[in-house]
Amino acid sequence: MRYRSRTDIISEILDAANGGSATKTKIMYRAYLSFRQMKEYSRVLTENNLLNYDAYTQTFKTTEKGLRFLDTYNQMDGMIKAVPQLEQV
């Protein structure tokens, strides 16, 4: 697996939680995270209102703000991949 930036990991978490009813385990498997990483990222994302945690069902859901972040990230990623890679001589 290639190196992932924090932004890449955040987008994978938000994508995994999109649609709601995503448990910690589901997000950990889909985003390839350890429990410690999941704990830290979920704290940061909920504090910044990108992810919502329902304590009753113990599930996560991506918020509207999180969906906007995900959309912007996907647009930027598409633009970066569209730039032709320069061949090294």
Protein backbone atom coordinates (compact mmCIF):
# COMPACT_ATOMS: atom_id res chain seq x y z
CA MET A 1 0.00 0.00 0.00
CA ARG A 2 1.27 3.46 -0.85
CA TYR A 3 1.83 6.25 1.64
CA ARG A 4 -1.41 8.12 2.43
CA SER A 5 -1.67 11.68 3.62
CA ARG A 6 -3.95 12.69 6.48
CA THR A 7 -6.32 14.14 3.89
CA ASP A 8 -6.44 10.82 2.03
CA ILE A 9 -7.25 8.96 5.25
CA ILE A 10 -9.93 11.48 6.23
CA SER A 11 -11.59 11.14 2.83
CA GLU A 12 -11.61 7.33 3.17
CA ILE A 13 -13.21 7.58 6.62
CA LEU A 14 -15.87 10.02 5.41
CA ASP A 15 -16.56 7.84 2.39
CA ALA A 16 -16.92 4.73 4.59
CA ALA A 17 -19.37 6.55 6.89
CA ASN A 18 -21.36 8.06 4.01
CA GLY A 19 -24.97 6.90 4.22
CA GLY A 20 -24.83 6.34 7.97
CA SER A 21 -24.89 3.23 10.14
CA ALA A 22 -21.13 2.70 9.86
CA THR A 23 -19.59 1.12 12.93
CA LYS A 24 -16.02 1.72 14.06
CA THR A 25 -15.08 -1.73 12.81
CA LYS A 26 -16.57 -1.14 9.36
CA ILE A 27 -14.70 2.15 9.02
CA MET A 28 -11.46 0.59 10.28
CA TYR A 29 -11.65 -2.18 7.66
CA ARG A 30 -12.65 0.07 4.76
CA ALA A 31 -10.04 2.75 5.55
CA TYR A 32 -7.29 0.31 6.65
CA LEU A 33 -6.84 1.84 10.10
CA SER A 34 -5.72 0.54 13.47
CA PHE A 35 -7.97 1.05 16.49
CA ARG A 36 -5.67 3.81 17.79
CA GLN A 37 -5.81 5.63 14.46
CA MET A 38 -9.59 5.26 14.26
CA LYS A 39 -9.97 6.64 17.76
CA GLU A 40 -7.87 9.73 17.00
CA TYR A 41 -9.37 10.47 13.58
CA SER A 42 -12.95 9.99 14.79
CA ARG A 43 -12.29 12.44 17.63
CA VAL A 44 -10.88 15.09 15.27
CA LEU A 45 -13.61 14.61 12.67
CA THR A 46 -16.46 14.80 15.18
CA GLU A 47 -14.95 17.88 16.85
CA ASN A 48 -14.84 19.57 13.43
CA ASN A 49 -18.41 18.51 12.55
CA LEU A 50 -17.36 16.37 9.59
CA LEU A 51 -18.56 13.17 11.23
CA ASN A 52 -21.50 12.55 13.54
CA TYR A 53 -21.55 9.79 16.18
CA ASP A 54 -24.83 8.31 17.40
CA ALA A 55 -24.14 6.91 20.88
CA TYR A 56 -27.43 4.99 20.94
CA THR A 57 -26.68 2.91 17.82
CA GLN A 58 -22.88 3.33 18.15
CA THR A 59 -22.60 4.31 14.49
CA PHE A 60 -21.06 7.13 12.50
CA LYS A 61 -22.54 9.22 9.72
CA THR A 62 -20.90 11.79 7.46
CA THR A 63 -22.38 15.26 8.00
CA GLU A 64 -23.28 17.79 5.30
CA LYS A 65 -19.99 19.56 5.99
CA GLY A 66 -18.21 16.22 5.63
CA LEU A 67 -19.94 15.56 2.32
CA ARG A 68 -18.83 18.98 1.03
CA PHE A 69 -15.26 18.16 2.12
CA LEU A 70 -15.47 14.79 0.34
CA ASP A 71 -16.79 16.39 -2.84
CA THR A 72 -14.03 19.02 -2.85
CA TYR A 73 -11.39 16.37 -2.14
CA ASN A 74 -12.61 14.20 -5.04
CA GLN A 75 -12.56 17.18 -7.42
CA MET A 76 -9.01 18.10 -6.39
CA ASP A 77 -7.87 14.48 -6.65
CA GLY A 78 -9.35 14.26 -10.13
CA MET A 79 -7.51 17.40 -11.21
CA ILE A 80 -4.21 16.13 -9.86
CA LYS A 81 -4.57 12.77 -11.60
CA ALA A 82 -5.48 14.53 -14.86
CA VAL A 83 -2.09 16.26 -15.00
CA PRO A 84 0.25 14.11 -17.11
CA GLN A 85 3.18 12.71 -15.20
CA LEU A 86 6.57 13.90 -16.45
CA GLU A 87 8.94 11.16 -17.45
CA GLN A 88 12.24 11.18 -15.67
CA VAL A 89 15.29 10.97 -17.88
